[in-house]
Amino acid sequence: MSGRGDHYFSEMPQAASQAGTVQMRLSDLELQLASDTGVFSHGRLDAGTRVLLERAPMPQIRGDLLDLGCGYGPIALTLATRRKRAKVWAVDVNQRALDLVRENAKTAGRGNVVASAPDDVPDDVRFAVIYSNPPIRVGKAALHELLVRWVDRLLPGGSAVIVVHKHLGSDSLASWLNEQGFPTTRLLSERGYRLLQIQPRA
């Protein structure tokens, strides 16, 4: 990467736009999603995201859902299709990503998706479930701050499900979350990716 503006976790990516599409096929749905340079996993469905979408449990309680670090929206659009009556928040700092989510939601006819920058989510909104392929490369301190900020907004009985590769610190992250008072368990390990389920602090 040539500069911070080229990172997918920058607010305004400097990479020249090269729009494309991703044909996402899961066992229960198929979506064609617009993608672009400057966003996470441009032009393809990330392998970790696929593990999450195929293996993560669905919400056990009613309430809003959150795709944290949504990129161009594969998680948010999948949730909105599987749970058409639920409001799905697609949150990212990357404005190009948010524009793509809005485009993809319109194309898919999913009016239950709200694409939003983090600070634009009202303070009183709480979530039944948070799903995330989090931005590990943002750095450990920033990642910890991000997770605490949002997991603390879970409803009672809610949980967060995140996917992290074992080589990118999934096990140490799980240990850290437990130390902070967030009960965290490994749901599964597949192709090197760990699915971690995080419960609210007591």
Foldseek 3Di string as FASTA:
>chain_A
DPDPLQALQALERPDDWDKDWEFDDDPVDTAIFIFTHSHPPGPYDDPQNNCCLHPPDDFPDDFAEEEESQFLHPVQVSNCVVCVPHQYEYEGSHPVSLVRVVVRCVVVVRPSYHYDYPVPPDPLGAHQEYEYQDDLVVDDVVRVVVCVVRLQRHDVNHKYKYKDFVVSPPVVVQVVLVVVQWNKDFPDADPRITIIITHHHD
